[in-house]
Amino acid sequence: MQLLKNFKELKASSLVESVIAISIISICVLVVFMVYLNVIKLNKPVSYFKAKHTVEFLTHESIEQQDYEDNIFKYEGYTVAKNVKINEKGQMVSLSFLIKTGSKEYKINKLIPYNE
């Protein structure tokens, strides 16, 4: 019986508190929706991200082995074509990687130091 008496003494929340709670929930839903739309808009296949990782590996390999030749690398699901341009005056090498995944092509450019 004592519990029922305590229950009747609960105060209801005010209209201001309800509006603040709804505002906070709305802002959270908006942020989640924006993140979801950005992920959907990206629309890149998994093979693109594998190829991008391969490009980083090929760039480091070119620096370590001083491999300044054009090459084509074929992998399962994608192809990476490496194009090299040497600028001896500026002592820089421009690496251009063309990634082909299915019907789409992506280009990534890198600059590395040139050492003879």
N, C-alpha and C. Protein backbone atom coordinates (compact mmCIF):
# COMPACT_ATOMS: atom_id res chain seq x y z
N MET A 1 0.82 -1.18 0.00
CA MET A 1 0.00 0.00 0.00
C MET A 1 0.87 1.26 0.00
N GLN A 2 1.94 1.18 0.72
CA GLN A 2 2.86 2.32 0.79
C GLN A 2 3.43 2.63 -0.59
N LEU A 3 3.69 1.60 -1.40
CA LEU A 3 4.23 1.81 -2.75
C LEU A 3 3.25 2.58 -3.63
N LEU A 4 1.96 2.31 -3.49
CA LEU A 4 0.98 3.03 -4.30
C LEU A 4 0.92 4.51 -3.93
N LYS A 5 1.08 4.82 -2.69
CA LYS A 5 1.07 6.23 -2.27
C LYS A 5 2.27 6.98 -2.85
N ASN A 6 3.42 6.33 -2.89
CA ASN A 6 4.61 6.95 -3.49
C ASN A 6 4.44 7.12 -4.99
N PHE A 7 3.75 6.18 -5.62
CA PHE A 7 3.56 6.24 -7.06
C PHE A 7 2.71 7.44 -7.46
N LYS A 8 1.71 7.77 -6.66
CA LYS A 8 0.83 8.89 -6.97
C LYS A 8 1.54 10.24 -6.83
N GLU A 9 2.63 10.26 -6.12
CA GLU A 9 3.32 11.51 -5.90
C GLU A 9 4.34 11.85 -6.99
N LEU A 10 4.47 10.99 -8.04
CA LEU A 10 5.40 11.29 -9.13
C LEU A 10 4.93 12.51 -9.89
N LYS A 11 5.86 13.35 -10.24
CA LYS A 11 5.51 14.56 -10.98
C LYS A 11 5.66 14.28 -12.47
N ALA A 12 4.79 14.81 -13.25
CA ALA A 12 4.83 14.64 -14.70
C ALA A 12 5.87 15.59 -15.28
N SER A 13 6.42 15.20 -16.42
CA SER A 13 7.41 16.07 -17.05
C SER A 13 6.69 17.23 -17.72
N SER A 14 7.39 18.32 -17.83
CA SER A 14 6.78 19.50 -18.41
C SER A 14 6.87 19.46 -19.92
N LEU A 15 6.17 20.35 -20.54
CA LEU A 15 6.17 20.44 -22.00
C LEU A 15 7.55 20.82 -22.51
N VAL A 16 8.26 21.66 -21.81
CA VAL A 16 9.61 22.09 -22.20
C VAL A 16 10.56 20.89 -22.21
N GLU A 17 10.49 20.04 -21.20
CA GLU A 17 11.34 18.86 -21.15
C GLU A 17 11.05 17.92 -22.31
N SER A 18 9.79 17.77 -22.65
CA SER A 18 9.40 16.91 -23.77
C SER A 18 9.93 17.45 -25.09
N VAL A 19 9.85 18.74 -25.29
CA VAL A 19 10.34 19.37 -26.53
C VAL A 19 11.85 19.21 -26.63
N ILE A 20 12.57 19.37 -25.52
CA ILE A 20 14.02 19.20 -25.52
C ILE A 20 14.40 17.76 -25.86
N ALA A 21 13.69 16.80 -25.29
CA ALA A 21 13.97 15.39 -25.57
C ALA A 21 13.71 15.06 -27.04
N ILE A 22 12.62 15.54 -27.58
CA ILE A 22 12.31 15.29 -29.00
C ILE A 22 13.35 15.96 -29.89
N SER A 23 13.82 17.15 -29.51
CA SER A 23 14.86 17.84 -30.30
C SER A 23 16.16 17.05 -30.31
N ILE A 24 16.56 16.52 -29.17
CA ILE A 24 17.80 15.74 -29.10
C ILE A 24 17.68 14.47 -29.93
N ILE A 25 16.55 13.80 -29.84
CA ILE A 25 16.33 12.59 -30.64
C ILE A 25 16.34 12.92 -32.13
N SER A 26 15.72 14.03 -32.52
CA SER A 26 15.70 14.44 -33.93
C SER A 26 17.09 14.74 -34.46
N ILE A 27 17.91 15.39 -33.66
CA ILE A 27 19.28 15.70 -34.09
C ILE A 27 20.08 14.41 -34.26
N CYS A 28 19.91 13.46 -33.35
CA CYS A 28 20.62 12.17 -33.47
C CYS A 28 20.19 11.43 -34.73
N VAL A 29 18.90 11.41 -35.01
CA VAL A 29 18.40 10.75 -36.23
C VAL A 29 18.94 11.45 -37.47
N LEU A 30 19.02 12.76 -37.46
CA LEU A 30 19.56 13.51 -38.60
C LEU A 30 21.02 13.16 -38.85
N VAL A 31 21.82 13.08 -37.80
CA VAL A 31 23.24 12.73 -37.95
C VAL A 31 23.39 11.32 -38.52
N VAL A 32 22.63 10.37 -38.01
CA VAL A 32 22.68 9.00 -38.51
C VAL A 32 22.27 8.95 -39.98
N PHE A 33 21.25 9.68 -40.34
CA PHE A 33 20.78 9.72 -41.73
C PHE A 33 21.83 10.31 -42.65
N MET A 34 22.52 11.36 -42.21
CA MET A 34 23.57 11.97 -43.04
C MET A 34 24.73 11.00 -43.26
N VAL A 35 25.13 10.28 -42.23
CA VAL A 35 26.21 9.29 -42.36
C VAL A 35 25.78 8.19 -43.32
N TYR A 36 24.57 7.73 -43.20
CA TYR A 36 24.05 6.69 -44.09
C TYR A 36 24.06 7.16 -45.55
N LEU A 37 23.62 8.38 -45.79
CA LEU A 37 23.62 8.90 -47.17
C LEU A 37 25.02 9.03 -47.74
N ASN A 38 25.99 9.42 -46.92
CA ASN A 38 27.37 9.52 -47.39
C ASN A 38 27.93 8.16 -47.76
N VAL A 39 27.59 7.13 -47.00
CA VAL A 39 28.05 5.78 -47.30
C VAL A 39 27.42 5.29 -48.59
N ILE A 40 26.14 5.54 -48.77
CA ILE A 40 25.45 5.12 -49.99
C ILE A 40 25.98 5.89 -51.21
N LYS A 41 26.27 7.17 -51.03
CA LYS A 41 26.76 7.99 -52.14
C LYS A 41 28.15 7.56 -52.61
N LEU A 42 28.95 7.00 -51.71
CA LEU A 42 30.30 6.55 -52.05
C LEU A 42 30.25 5.52 -53.17
N ASN A 43 29.43 4.51 -53.04
CA ASN A 43 29.11 3.56 -54.10
C ASN A 43 30.35 3.02 -54.83
N LYS A 44 31.34 2.59 -54.10
CA LYS A 44 32.54 2.00 -54.70
C LYS A 44 32.59 0.53 -54.32
N PRO A 45 32.98 -0.31 -55.27
CA PRO A 45 33.02 -1.75 -54.96
C PRO A 45 34.19 -2.10 -54.03
N VAL A 46 34.10 -3.27 -53.44
CA VAL A 46 35.15 -3.74 -52.53
C VAL A 46 36.48 -3.86 -53.27
N SER A 47 36.43 -4.25 -54.54
CA SER A 47 37.67 -4.40 -55.31
C SER A 47 38.41 -3.06 -55.45
N TYR A 48 37.68 -1.92 -55.42
CA TYR A 48 38.33 -0.61 -55.48
C TYR A 48 39.23 -0.42 -54.25
N PHE A 49 38.73 -0.79 -53.08
CA PHE A 49 39.50 -0.60 -51.86
C PHE A 49 40.69 -1.57 -51.81
N LYS A 50 40.51 -2.78 -52.36
CA LYS A 50 41.63 -3.71 -52.47
C LYS A 50 42.69 -3.14 -53.41
N ALA A 51 42.24 -2.57 -54.53
CA ALA A 51 43.17 -1.98 -55.49
C ALA A 51 43.89 -0.77 -54.90
N LYS A 52 43.19 0.01 -54.11
CA LYS A 52 43.82 1.17 -53.48
C LYS A 52 44.91 0.73 -52.52
N HIS A 53 44.66 -0.34 -51.80
CA HIS A 53 45.69 -0.91 -50.92
C HIS A 53 46.88 -1.41 -51.75
N THR A 54 46.60 -2.03 -52.88
CA THR A 54 47.66 -2.51 -53.77
C THR A 54 48.49 -1.36 -54.31
N VAL A 55 47.85 -0.23 -54.62
CA VAL A 55 48.56 0.95 -55.11
C VAL A 55 49.54 1.45 -54.05
N GLU A 56 49.11 1.47 -52.80
CA GLU A 56 50.02 1.89 -51.72
C GLU A 56 51.22 0.93 -51.62
N PHE A 57 50.95 -0.36 -51.74
CA PHE A 57 52.02 -1.35 -51.70
C PHE A 57 52.98 -1.16 -52.88
N LEU A 58 52.43 -0.94 -54.09
CA LEU A 58 53.27 -0.75 -55.28
C LEU A 58 54.09 0.53 -55.19
N THR A 59 53.52 1.56 -54.57
CA THR A 59 54.27 2.82 -54.39
C THR A 59 55.47 2.60 -53.47
N HIS A 60 55.26 1.94 -52.35
CA HIS A 60 56.37 1.67 -51.43
C HIS A 60 57.40 0.74 -52.07
N GLU A 61 56.94 -0.21 -52.85
CA GLU A 61 57.85 -1.12 -53.53
C GLU A 61 58.69 -0.37 -54.58
N SER A 62 58.07 0.58 -55.28
CA SER A 62 58.81 1.39 -56.26
C SER A 62 59.88 2.23 -55.60
N ILE A 63 59.58 2.76 -54.42
CA ILE A 63 60.56 3.57 -53.71
C ILE A 63 61.73 2.70 -53.23
N GLU A 64 61.42 1.55 -52.64
CA GLU A 64 62.47 0.69 -52.10
C GLU A 64 63.35 0.09 -53.20
N GLN A 65 62.73 -0.39 -54.29
CA GLN A 65 63.48 -1.07 -55.34
C GLN A 65 63.88 -0.14 -56.48
N GLN A 66 63.49 1.13 -56.41
CA GLN A 66 63.73 2.11 -57.45
C GLN A 66 63.30 1.57 -58.81
N ASP A 67 62.09 1.04 -58.83
CA ASP A 67 61.49 0.47 -60.04
C ASP A 67 60.70 1.57 -60.75
N TYR A 68 61.33 2.18 -61.76
CA TYR A 68 60.71 3.30 -62.48
C TYR A 68 60.33 2.88 -63.89
N GLU A 69 59.59 1.80 -64.02
CA GLU A 69 59.14 1.29 -65.31
C GLU A 69 57.63 1.16 -65.30
N ASP A 70 57.03 1.34 -66.49
CA ASP A 70 55.59 1.14 -66.62
C ASP A 70 55.26 -0.34 -66.51
N ASN A 71 54.21 -0.65 -65.79
CA ASN A 71 53.80 -2.04 -65.61
C ASN A 71 52.28 -2.13 -65.56
N ILE A 72 51.79 -3.33 -65.82
CA ILE A 72 50.37 -3.63 -65.65
C ILE A 72 50.28 -4.84 -64.71
N PHE A 73 49.51 -4.70 -63.66
CA PHE A 73 49.35 -5.75 -62.68
C PHE A 73 47.89 -6.22 -62.72
N LYS A 74 47.69 -7.51 -62.92
CA LYS A 74 46.35 -8.07 -62.98
C LYS A 74 46.08 -8.90 -61.73
N TYR A 75 44.97 -8.59 -61.09
CA TYR A 75 44.55 -9.30 -59.89
C TYR A 75 43.12 -9.78 -60.09
N GLU A 76 42.64 -10.55 -59.15
CA GLU A 76 41.27 -11.05 -59.26
C GLU A 76 40.29 -9.91 -58.97
N GLY A 77 39.54 -9.51 -59.97
CA GLY A 77 38.53 -8.47 -59.81
C GLY A 77 38.97 -7.08 -60.21
N TYR A 78 40.26 -6.85 -60.41
CA TYR A 78 40.72 -5.52 -60.79
C TYR A 78 42.09 -5.60 -61.46
N THR A 79 42.42 -4.52 -62.17
CA THR A 79 43.71 -4.39 -62.84
C THR A 79 44.29 -3.02 -62.47
N VAL A 80 45.60 -2.99 -62.21
CA VAL A 80 46.29 -1.75 -61.89
C VAL A 80 47.37 -1.52 -62.94
N ALA A 81 47.30 -0.38 -63.63
CA ALA A 81 48.32 -0.01 -64.62
C ALA A 81 49.15 1.13 -64.04
N LYS A 82 50.48 0.92 -64.00
CA LYS A 82 51.40 1.92 -63.44
C LYS A 82 52.10 2.64 -64.59
N ASN A 83 52.00 3.96 -64.59
CA ASN A 83 52.65 4.80 -65.59
C ASN A 83 53.64 5.71 -64.86
N VAL A 84 54.89 5.75 -65.34
CA VAL A 84 55.96 6.48 -64.65
C VAL A 84 56.46 7.62 -65.52
N LYS A 85 56.61 8.81 -64.91
CA LYS A 85 57.23 9.96 -65.58
C LYS A 85 58.31 10.48 -64.65
N ILE A 86 59.55 10.56 -65.18
CA ILE A 86 60.68 10.99 -64.36
C ILE A 86 61.01 12.45 -64.68
N ASN A 87 61.09 13.28 -63.65
CA ASN A 87 61.51 14.67 -63.78
C ASN A 87 62.87 14.78 -63.10
N GLU A 88 63.94 14.71 -63.91
CA GLU A 88 65.29 14.69 -63.35
C GLU A 88 65.69 16.05 -62.77
N LYS A 89 65.16 17.15 -63.33
CA LYS A 89 65.51 18.46 -62.80
C LYS A 89 64.97 18.63 -61.38
N GLY A 90 63.73 18.27 -61.20
CA GLY A 90 63.12 18.41 -59.87
C GLY A 90 63.37 17.22 -58.99
N GLN A 91 64.06 16.22 -59.51
CA GLN A 91 64.36 14.99 -58.81
C GLN A 91 63.11 14.36 -58.20
N MET A 92 62.07 14.30 -59.04
CA MET A 92 60.80 13.71 -58.62
C MET A 92 60.35 12.69 -59.67
N VAL A 93 59.63 11.70 -59.22
CA VAL A 93 59.02 10.72 -60.11
C VAL A 93 57.52 10.80 -59.90
N SER A 94 56.80 10.92 -61.01
CA SER A 94 55.35 10.96 -60.96
C SER A 94 54.82 9.57 -61.31
N LEU A 95 54.13 8.95 -60.36
CA LEU A 95 53.52 7.66 -60.61
C LEU A 95 52.02 7.86 -60.81
N SER A 96 51.51 7.34 -61.91
CA SER A 96 50.08 7.39 -62.19
C SER A 96 49.56 5.97 -62.20
N PHE A 97 48.60 5.69 -61.35
CA PHE A 97 48.01 4.37 -61.30
C PHE A 97 46.58 4.45 -61.83
N LEU A 98 46.26 3.59 -62.79
CA LEU A 98 44.92 3.52 -63.34
C LEU A 98 44.31 2.21 -62.86
N ILE A 99 43.27 2.31 -62.06
CA ILE A 99 42.59 1.14 -61.50
C ILE A 99 41.36 0.86 -62.34
N LYS A 100 41.24 -0.37 -62.82
CA LYS A 100 40.06 -0.79 -63.58
C LYS A 100 39.34 -1.88 -62.79
N THR A 101 38.13 -1.57 -62.36
CA THR A 101 37.30 -2.54 -61.65
C THR A 101 36.00 -2.69 -62.43
N GLY A 102 35.86 -3.79 -63.12
CA GLY A 102 34.66 -3.99 -63.93
C GLY A 102 34.61 -2.97 -65.05
N SER A 103 33.58 -2.14 -65.06
CA SER A 103 33.43 -1.13 -66.11
C SER A 103 33.89 0.26 -65.66
N LYS A 104 34.34 0.40 -64.43
CA LYS A 104 34.75 1.71 -63.91
C LYS A 104 36.27 1.82 -63.85
N GLU A 105 36.75 3.06 -64.02
CA GLU A 105 38.18 3.34 -63.94
C GLU A 105 38.42 4.47 -62.94
N TYR A 106 39.47 4.33 -62.17
CA TYR A 106 39.86 5.34 -61.19
C TYR A 106 41.34 5.64 -61.37
N LYS A 107 41.72 6.90 -61.19
CA LYS A 107 43.12 7.29 -61.37
C LYS A 107 43.66 7.85 -60.05
N ILE A 108 44.86 7.36 -59.68
CA ILE A 108 45.52 7.84 -58.47
C ILE A 108 46.93 8.29 -58.86
N ASN A 109 47.30 9.52 -58.47
CA ASN A 109 48.63 10.06 -58.77
C ASN A 109 49.44 10.14 -57.49
N LYS A 110 50.73 9.79 -57.62
CA LYS A 110 51.66 9.86 -56.49
C LYS A 110 52.96 10.52 -56.95
N LEU A 111 53.59 11.27 -56.04
CA LEU A 111 54.92 11.85 -56.29
C LEU A 111 55.90 11.23 -55.30
N ILE A 112 57.02 10.74 -55.83
CA ILE A 112 58.04 10.17 -54.97
C ILE A 112 59.38 10.77 -55.33
N PRO A 113 60.34 10.78 -54.43
CA PRO A 113 61.68 11.33 -54.73
C PRO A 113 62.43 10.43 -55.72
N TYR A 114 63.20 11.06 -56.58
CA TYR A 114 63.97 10.33 -57.59
C TYR A 114 65.42 10.19 -57.13
N ASN A 115 65.88 8.97 -56.99
CA ASN A 115 67.27 8.69 -56.59
C ASN A 115 67.90 7.82 -57.66
N GLU A 116 69.03 8.26 -58.18
CA GLU A 116 69.72 7.47 -59.20
C GLU A 116 70.61 6.45 -58.58
